[in-house]
Protein backbone atom coordinates (compact mmCIF):
# COMPACT_ATOMS: atom_id res chain seq x y z
CA MET A 1 0.00 0.00 0.00
CA TYR A 2 1.29 3.44 -0.91
CA LEU A 3 -0.46 6.80 -0.69
CA GLU A 4 0.95 10.11 -1.87
CA TYR A 5 -0.75 13.47 -1.49
CA GLN A 6 0.94 16.67 -2.68
CA ALA A 7 -0.64 20.06 -2.29
CA ALA A 8 -1.94 21.69 -5.45
CA GLY A 9 -1.74 25.06 -3.70
CA GLU A 10 0.13 26.20 -0.62
CA THR A 11 -0.93 23.38 1.69
CA LEU A 12 -2.96 20.21 1.96
CA SER A 13 -6.34 20.81 3.56
CA PRO A 14 -7.43 19.07 6.78
CA GLU A 15 -9.95 17.14 4.65
CA GLU A 16 -7.22 15.87 2.30
CA ILE A 17 -5.06 14.84 5.25
CA LYS A 18 -7.93 13.00 6.92
CA GLU A 19 -8.79 11.23 3.68
CA ALA A 20 -5.23 9.91 3.39
CA LEU A 21 -5.08 8.80 7.03
CA PHE A 22 -8.45 7.02 6.90
CA LYS A 23 -7.45 5.24 3.67
CA SER A 24 -4.20 4.07 5.26
CA ILE A 25 -6.01 2.05 7.93
CA GLU A 26 -9.25 1.04 6.22
CA GLY A 27 -9.76 -2.68 5.69
CA ARG A 28 -7.21 -3.62 8.35
CA THR A 29 -8.05 -5.96 11.22
CA LEU A 30 -6.63 -4.10 14.20
CA LYS A 31 -6.81 -4.81 17.90
CA LYS A 32 -3.66 -3.05 19.15
CA VAL A 33 -1.83 -0.11 17.57
CA LEU A 34 1.29 1.85 18.50
CA ILE A 35 1.71 5.41 17.24
CA VAL A 36 5.26 6.83 17.22
CA PRO A 37 5.13 10.59 16.55
CA PRO A 38 7.98 13.08 17.05
CA ASP A 39 8.17 15.16 20.23
CA PHE A 40 7.62 18.89 20.67
CA THR A 41 10.90 19.72 18.90
CA ARG A 42 9.10 18.74 15.68
CA PHE A 43 5.96 20.72 16.45
CA HIS A 44 5.80 22.11 12.91
CA SER A 45 5.80 18.62 11.37
CA ASN A 46 1.98 18.55 11.71
CA ALA A 47 2.47 15.13 13.29
CA GLY A 48 0.43 16.31 16.26
CA TYR A 49 -2.67 16.74 14.11
CA ILE A 50 -2.03 13.44 12.33
CA THR A 51 -1.65 11.59 15.62
CA ASN A 52 -4.89 13.10 16.90
CA VAL A 53 -6.77 12.04 13.76
CA TYR A 54 -5.43 8.50 14.00
CA TYR A 55 -6.22 8.27 17.71
CA HIS A 56 -9.89 9.14 17.20
CA ALA A 57 -10.17 7.07 14.01
CA LEU A 58 -8.98 4.04 16.00
CA GLU A 59 -11.72 4.35 18.61
CA GLY A 60 -12.45 0.99 20.21
CA ILE A 61 -8.93 -0.27 19.46
CA GLU A 62 -6.16 -0.40 22.06
CA VAL A 63 -3.85 2.51 21.16
CA ASP A 64 -0.51 3.41 22.74
CA ILE A 65 1.47 6.52 21.85
CA MET A 66 5.21 6.78 22.42
CA PRO A 67 6.82 10.01 21.22
CA ALA A 68 10.18 9.44 19.56
CA LEU A 69 12.18 11.30 22.19
CA GLY A 70 15.59 9.88 21.38
CA THR A 71 17.82 11.67 23.89
CA HIS A 72 15.35 14.52 24.49
CA ALA A 73 13.51 15.29 27.71
CA LYS A 74 10.05 13.84 28.37
CA MET A 75 7.17 15.86 26.97
CA THR A 76 5.17 17.83 29.52
CA LYS A 77 1.42 17.71 29.84
CA GLU A 78 1.23 21.24 28.42
CA GLU A 79 3.39 20.33 25.41
CA CYS A 80 1.29 17.25 24.66
CA ALA A 81 -1.92 19.27 24.84
CA GLU A 82 -0.55 21.97 22.53
CA MET A 83 0.83 19.51 19.98
CA PHE A 84 -1.61 16.58 20.11
CA GLY A 85 -4.88 18.21 21.17
CA ASP A 86 -7.43 16.34 23.27
CA ILE A 87 -5.62 12.99 23.57
CA PRO A 88 -5.43 12.13 27.31
CA TYR A 89 -1.93 12.70 28.71
CA GLU A 90 -1.86 9.23 30.25
CA LYS A 91 -1.86 7.74 26.74
CA PHE A 92 1.66 9.09 26.14
CA LEU A 93 4.40 6.65 27.12
CA GLU A 94 7.96 7.80 27.84
CA HIS A 95 10.90 6.38 25.92
CA ARG A 96 13.85 6.00 28.28
CA TRP A 97 16.84 5.64 25.97
CA ARG A 98 19.28 4.44 28.62
CA THR A 99 17.17 1.67 30.16
CA ASP A 100 14.07 0.50 28.24
CA VAL A 101 15.76 -1.06 25.22
CA VAL A 102 16.69 -4.47 23.88
CA LYS A 103 19.46 -5.47 21.49
CA VAL A 104 18.06 -6.77 18.20
CA GLY A 105 21.28 -7.35 16.24
CA THR A 106 24.78 -6.18 15.41
CA VAL A 107 25.86 -4.33 12.29
CA PRO A 108 29.16 -5.90 11.19
CA ALA A 109 32.40 -3.95 11.20
CA ASP A 110 33.30 -4.71 7.59
CA TYR A 111 30.01 -3.25 6.34
CA LEU A 112 30.49 -0.11 8.41
CA GLU A 113 34.05 0.29 7.22
CA GLU A 114 32.86 0.03 3.63
CA ILE A 115 30.01 2.57 3.84
CA SER A 116 32.01 5.02 5.98
CA GLU A 117 35.03 4.97 3.67
CA GLY A 118 37.15 3.72 6.53
CA THR A 119 36.21 6.38 9.07
CA TRP A 120 34.45 3.76 11.28
CA THR A 121 35.75 0.22 11.74
CA GLU A 122 33.91 -1.23 14.75
CA PRO A 123 30.66 -3.25 14.90
CA ILE A 124 27.57 -1.47 16.26
CA ASP A 125 24.83 -3.03 18.38
CA CYS A 126 21.32 -2.05 17.33
CA GLU A 127 19.00 -1.35 20.28
CA VAL A 128 15.36 -0.27 20.27
CA ASN A 129 12.63 0.18 22.84
CA GLN A 130 11.15 -3.15 23.84
CA ILE A 131 7.62 -1.78 23.37
CA LEU A 132 8.00 -2.36 19.62
CA PHE A 133 7.67 -6.09 20.31
CA GLY A 134 4.49 -5.69 22.35
CA GLY A 135 2.23 -7.57 19.95
CA TYR A 136 1.00 -4.63 17.89
CA ASP A 137 -0.97 -5.24 14.72
CA LEU A 138 0.25 -1.91 13.33
CA ILE A 139 2.98 0.58 14.20
CA LEU A 140 2.34 4.04 12.78
CA SER A 141 5.66 5.88 12.53
CA VAL A 142 4.73 9.52 11.98
CA GLY A 143 7.11 12.38 11.26
CA GLN A 144 8.65 15.05 9.09
CA VAL A 145 11.30 14.67 6.40
CA VAL A 146 13.60 17.69 6.61
CA PRO A 147 17.38 18.25 6.32
CA HIS A 148 19.23 16.78 9.29
CA GLU A 149 22.81 16.91 10.53
CA VAL A 150 23.16 13.27 11.61
CA VAL A 151 21.39 11.36 8.83
CA GLY A 152 21.10 13.84 5.95
CA MET A 153 17.30 13.90 5.78
CA SER A 154 15.37 13.11 8.94
CA ASN A 155 12.72 10.56 9.79
CA HIS A 156 11.68 7.16 8.39
CA SER A 157 14.04 4.59 10.01
CA LYS A 158 15.58 7.32 12.19
CA ASN A 159 12.24 7.78 13.96
CA ILE A 160 12.44 4.21 15.25
CA LEU A 161 16.19 3.60 15.57
CA VAL A 162 17.06 6.94 17.19
CA GLY A 163 13.68 8.19 18.35
CA LEU A 164 13.10 4.87 20.15
CA GLY A 165 16.75 3.81 20.14
CA GLY A 166 19.14 2.84 22.90
CA SER A 167 22.19 4.67 24.18
CA LYS A 168 24.76 2.44 22.47
CA PHE A 169 23.18 2.77 19.05
CA ILE A 170 22.38 6.48 19.33
CA ASN A 171 25.90 7.26 20.50
CA ALA A 172 27.62 5.18 17.84
CA SER A 173 25.41 6.27 14.94
CA HIS A 174 25.90 9.94 15.78
CA MET A 175 29.65 9.47 15.92
CA VAL A 176 29.62 7.63 12.59
CA GLY A 177 28.02 10.68 11.03
CA ALA A 178 30.30 13.15 12.81
CA LEU A 179 33.44 11.35 11.67
CA TYR A 180 32.20 11.13 8.10
CA GLY A 181 31.30 14.83 8.11
CA LEU A 182 27.91 16.51 8.48
CA GLU A 183 28.51 18.85 5.54
CA ARG A 184 28.84 15.80 3.29
CA MET A 185 25.40 14.59 4.38
CA MET A 186 22.94 17.36 5.19
CA GLY A 187 20.10 17.51 2.68
CA ARG A 188 21.01 14.19 1.05
CA ASP A 189 19.68 10.65 0.92
CA ASN A 190 21.85 7.50 1.03
CA THR A 191 24.32 8.95 3.52
CA VAL A 192 26.53 6.73 5.66
CA THR A 193 24.11 7.05 8.59
CA ARG A 194 21.05 6.39 6.45
CA LYS A 195 22.70 3.24 5.11
CA LEU A 196 23.34 2.15 8.71
CA PHE A 197 19.69 2.75 9.62
CA ASP A 198 18.42 0.96 6.51
CA TYR A 199 20.61 -2.05 7.32
CA CYS A 200 19.05 -2.33 10.79
CA ILE A 201 15.49 -2.04 9.49
CA THR A 202 16.10 -4.63 6.78
CA HIS A 203 18.05 -7.15 8.85
CA PHE A 204 16.63 -6.79 12.36
CA LEU A 205 13.17 -5.17 12.25
CA ALA A 206 11.69 -6.34 8.94
CA LYS A 207 8.92 -8.33 10.66
CA LEU A 208 7.54 -5.33 12.53
CA PRO A 209 4.26 -4.03 10.97
CA ILE A 210 5.55 -0.49 10.45
CA LEU A 211 3.61 1.96 8.31
CA TRP A 212 5.61 5.10 7.57
CA VAL A 213 3.57 8.32 7.63
CA LEU A 214 5.85 11.12 6.41
CA THR A 215 5.20 14.82 6.04
CA VAL A 216 6.96 17.65 4.24
CA THR A 217 6.12 21.02 5.79
CA THR A 218 7.18 24.62 6.09
CA ALA A 219 5.91 27.18 8.58
CA PRO A 220 6.14 30.75 7.32
CA GLU A 221 5.06 33.15 10.08
CA GLY A 222 4.59 30.08 12.32
CA ALA A 223 1.63 28.70 10.35
CA ILE A 224 2.15 25.07 9.31
CA ARG A 225 1.89 24.35 5.59
CA MET A 226 1.86 20.68 4.65
CA HIS A 227 3.17 20.36 1.13
CA GLY A 228 3.13 16.57 1.02
CA LEU A 229 2.00 13.46 2.87
CA PHE A 230 3.53 10.09 2.00
CA ILE A 231 2.25 6.84 3.53
CA GLY A 232 3.43 3.28 2.95
CA GLU A 233 5.76 0.42 3.77
CA GLY A 234 9.37 0.19 2.70
CA ARG A 235 11.50 3.01 1.35
CA LYS A 236 9.21 4.48 -1.31
CA PRO A 237 7.52 7.08 0.94
CA LEU A 238 10.92 8.27 2.19
CA GLU A 239 12.34 8.74 -1.28
CA ALA A 240 9.28 10.64 -2.48
CA ALA A 241 9.29 12.83 0.63
CA ILE A 242 13.00 13.58 0.28
CA SER A 243 12.48 14.69 -3.31
CA LEU A 244 9.84 17.19 -2.20
CA ALA A 245 11.71 18.32 0.93
CA GLN A 246 14.80 19.07 -1.13
CA ARG A 247 12.65 21.55 -3.05
CA LYS A 248 10.76 22.99 -0.10
CA ASN A 249 13.29 22.92 2.78
CA LEU A 250 16.60 23.76 1.09
CA ASP A 251 17.32 27.46 0.67
CA ILE A 252 20.11 27.91 -1.88
CA LEU A 253 21.73 31.34 -1.73
CA ASP A 254 23.60 33.00 -4.57
CA ARG A 255 26.14 34.50 -2.14
CA PRO A 256 27.40 33.69 1.35
CA ILE A 257 25.97 35.32 4.47
CA GLY A 258 28.15 37.83 6.27
CA LYS A 259 25.93 38.06 9.36
CA CYS A 260 23.22 35.53 10.13
CA VAL A 261 20.64 36.08 12.87
CA VAL A 262 18.64 33.03 13.99
CA TYR A 263 15.69 33.04 16.39
CA LEU A 264 14.95 30.09 18.67
CA ASP A 265 11.35 29.90 19.89
CA PRO A 266 11.56 29.45 23.70
CA LYS A 267 8.73 26.90 23.62
CA GLU A 268 10.78 24.66 21.34
CA PHE A 269 14.41 25.35 22.24
CA LYS A 270 15.53 25.14 25.86
CA SER A 271 19.03 23.67 25.40
CA THR A 272 21.95 24.16 23.05
CA TRP A 273 21.61 20.43 22.37
CA LEU A 274 18.55 21.45 20.34
CA GLY A 275 19.38 25.09 19.71
CA ASN A 276 22.59 24.32 17.88
CA LYS A 277 20.44 23.63 14.84
CA ALA A 278 21.13 27.33 14.35
CA ILE A 279 24.73 26.29 13.66
CA TYR A 280 24.21 23.01 11.80
CA ARG A 281 21.67 24.35 9.33
CA THR A 282 23.50 27.60 8.47
CA ARG A 283 27.15 26.57 8.41
CA MET A 284 27.17 25.95 4.66
CA ALA A 285 25.76 29.42 4.02
CA ILE A 286 27.87 31.61 6.33
CA ALA A 287 31.01 33.20 4.89
CA ASP A 288 34.47 32.55 6.29
CA GLY A 289 35.00 35.28 8.86
CA GLY A 290 31.25 35.81 9.18
CA GLU A 291 29.01 36.02 12.23
CA LEU A 292 26.16 33.94 13.62
CA LEU A 293 23.95 35.54 16.26
CA VAL A 294 21.53 33.13 17.96
CA LEU A 295 18.60 34.85 19.67
CA ALA A 296 17.80 32.25 22.35
CA PRO A 297 15.50 33.54 25.12
CA GLY A 298 14.52 30.04 26.26
CA ILE A 299 17.97 28.45 26.48
CA GLU A 300 18.62 27.43 30.08
CA LYS A 301 21.02 24.48 29.76
CA PHE A 302 23.40 22.80 27.37
CA GLY A 303 22.42 19.10 27.39
CA GLU A 304 18.99 17.51 27.43
CA ASP A 305 19.96 15.38 30.42
CA PRO A 306 22.42 16.00 33.29
CA MET A 307 25.15 13.74 31.86
CA GLN A 308 25.14 15.46 28.46
CA ASP A 309 25.09 18.84 30.17
CA ALA A 310 28.06 18.04 32.39
CA ILE A 311 30.19 16.81 29.46
CA ILE A 312 29.40 19.87 27.35
CA ARG A 313 30.32 22.15 30.25
CA LYS A 314 33.54 20.21 30.82
CA TYR A 315 34.91 20.31 27.26
CA GLY A 316 32.95 22.98 25.40
CA TYR A 317 32.43 23.43 21.67
CA VAL A 318 36.12 23.42 20.82
CA GLY A 319 36.05 22.18 17.24
CA ARG A 320 36.34 18.89 15.38
CA LYS A 321 40.11 18.50 15.63
CA ARG A 322 40.27 19.07 19.39
CA VAL A 323 37.25 16.86 20.14
CA LEU A 324 38.78 13.99 18.16
CA GLU A 325 42.02 14.40 20.13
CA LEU A 326 40.09 14.30 23.41
CA PHE A 327 38.02 11.35 22.21
CA LYS A 328 41.15 9.21 22.07
CA THR A 329 41.93 9.67 25.77
CA GLU A 330 38.79 10.71 27.67
CA LYS A 331 36.60 7.93 29.03
CA ASP A 332 33.45 10.03 29.37
CA LEU A 333 33.58 11.00 25.69
CA LYS A 334 34.14 7.40 24.61
CA GLU A 335 31.16 6.30 26.71
CA ASN A 336 28.97 9.13 25.40
CA MET A 337 29.80 9.28 21.71
CA GLY A 338 26.57 11.07 20.88
CA THR A 339 27.68 13.96 23.06
CA ALA A 340 31.16 13.90 21.48
CA ALA A 341 29.50 14.09 18.06
CA HIS A 342 27.35 16.97 19.29
CA LEU A 343 30.48 18.87 20.34
CA ILE A 344 31.88 18.42 16.83
CA HIS A 345 28.66 19.59 15.20
CA GLY A 346 28.32 22.61 17.49
CA SER A 347 31.48 24.39 16.42
CA SER A 348 32.28 26.43 13.34
CA ASP A 349 35.88 25.18 13.55
CA GLY A 350 36.97 28.80 13.60
CA ARG A 351 35.33 29.69 10.28
CA PHE A 352 32.82 32.15 11.78
CA THR A 353 31.94 33.48 15.22
CA ILE A 354 28.96 32.15 17.19
CA THR A 355 27.19 34.38 19.71
CA TYR A 356 24.36 33.18 21.94
CA ALA A 357 22.04 35.96 23.14
CA VAL A 358 20.37 34.52 26.25
CA ARG A 359 18.21 35.41 29.24
CA ARG A 360 18.48 32.35 31.44
CA MET A 361 22.21 31.60 31.40
CA THR A 362 25.21 33.64 32.50
CA LYS A 363 28.05 35.14 30.52
CA GLU A 364 30.44 32.79 32.29
CA GLU A 365 28.40 29.72 31.30
CA ILE A 366 28.12 30.70 27.63
CA GLU A 367 31.77 31.69 27.28
CA GLY A 368 32.78 28.60 29.25
CA VAL A 369 31.68 26.38 26.33
CA ASN A 370 33.48 28.52 23.74
CA PHE A 371 30.60 30.64 22.48
CA ARG A 372 30.40 34.42 22.60
CA TYR A 373 27.83 35.91 24.96
CA ALA A 374 25.19 38.60 24.44
CA ASP A 375 22.26 39.72 26.56
CA TYR A 376 19.03 38.73 24.82
CA ASP A 377 17.05 41.88 25.58
CA GLU A 378 19.90 44.07 24.40
CA ALA A 379 20.30 42.06 21.18
CA LYS A 380 16.53 42.11 20.62
CA ARG A 381 16.46 45.90 20.69
CA ARG A 382 18.51 45.86 17.50
CA TYR A 383 17.40 42.56 15.99
CA ASP A 384 13.75 42.17 16.96
CA PRO A 385 12.50 38.84 15.53
CA GLU A 386 8.98 40.25 15.33
CA LYS A 387 10.14 43.04 13.03
CA LEU A 388 12.60 41.14 10.84
CA SER A 389 11.60 39.32 7.66
CA ALA A 390 12.83 35.84 6.82
CA GLY A 391 15.83 36.19 4.53
CA TRP A 392 17.84 39.29 3.73
CA ASN A 393 17.23 42.46 5.79
CA ARG A 394 18.84 45.90 5.64
CA MET A 395 19.09 47.55 9.07
CA PRO A 396 18.51 51.32 9.46
CA ASP A 397 22.25 51.98 9.69
CA GLY A 398 22.93 50.01 6.51
CA GLU A 399 24.02 46.70 8.07
CA GLU A 400 22.88 43.69 6.04
CA ILE A 401 21.78 40.54 7.85
CA PHE A 402 20.12 37.27 6.91
CA PHE A 403 17.32 36.31 9.33
CA ILE A 404 16.05 32.78 10.01
CA PRO A 405 12.96 32.54 12.27
CA ASN A 406 13.24 28.76 12.85
CA PRO A 407 16.36 26.75 11.90
CA ALA A 408 14.63 23.39 12.42
CA LEU A 409 12.60 23.78 9.25
CA GLY A 410 15.33 23.93 6.65
CA LEU A 411 18.91 23.98 5.45
CA TRP A 412 20.63 27.06 4.09
CA MET A 413 23.46 26.59 1.62
CA GLU A 414 25.56 28.92 -0.49
CA GLU A 415 25.28 28.02 -4.16
CA SER A 416 28.94 27.05 -4.63
CA ARG A 417 28.52 24.31 -1.99
CA LEU A 418 25.61 22.74 -3.81
CA LYS A 419 26.43 19.37 -5.34
CA ALA A 420 24.73 17.71 -8.27
CA ASP A 421 23.10 14.98 -6.21
CA VAL A 422 21.00 17.36 -4.07
């Protein structure tokens, strides 16, 4: 079964979305269903609405919902209500990535060495949440396909293997991508990490009744526009969604950005673990010697959990070369490879400056991890996100900036970095 809906105008209507969702489950004999949507960090995926429609359409059937948290913090009752509507909070199960997982197989070292071009030479254990083997007749994996720093284009197998993955697999897969190089992957299919994920789905999880429900969205002025909805088994919905997302979520610029200003919505971004999307998604657009100013009123910590936070505070965003040197000798980095990869991703490697304008963290904290510090309210007086337009802006004194209201929704790339396969 395969369903594909693409908007004729700006967005699919609620009626078109409902039609697709109802078709995807009609004629099935279902007693027990698991829905795996993204968490609040993918609010603009429209997965909240989709999950709500499925939940009510499956009335009379046992339905569990486990947001694909990965390493992120548990969703609050308020977040669930805002994203998923009237679904009772007790229906949302928490994925605990360090404890609630089982090993389902091992990806061999020789395969990893081949796909990584020799940058990774060890086997990797694949771990997923044990709930996936809870006797479900259908697993609805819902989420958005958008450029991503770890896998190239997010979702599909990532939603299960990272969103409901275990610490060993998340750590190793993130490091595989970091060693290979995020700039070689962002916005692309068939990356080294995607090949790793596909291997696990094919070899270890092929018997699970997974139905992929993939969206392609943008959110100009904060209003969600769903440009496509792709539903089916196998890889076909991913490939179709990637094709559309590469047109809708890649912003190719004809010249590099001298100064980039990125706004992080405080409801969505509370840590640099998430907020560093401002760095990942713009690094191929910012000029050497340029500036990145991150307007981050909600940032109050570095990691999503205390261990991540402590490691980031200890080492800071010191660049790829230094992190790889430390990785050879430091036990905590070896045991938390996902955090080591995050430290690599979160640096410009000296190419451009990174300033975090914050309210809830101190100058000493921000500078302690190798970022520049600015006071949010002071920065806002000059660069008010409510007054700036997405894209190029000319300030009253003549300064030119490029403004991005939400870095999670795209990838910005200077034209000379564009390769033929994107």
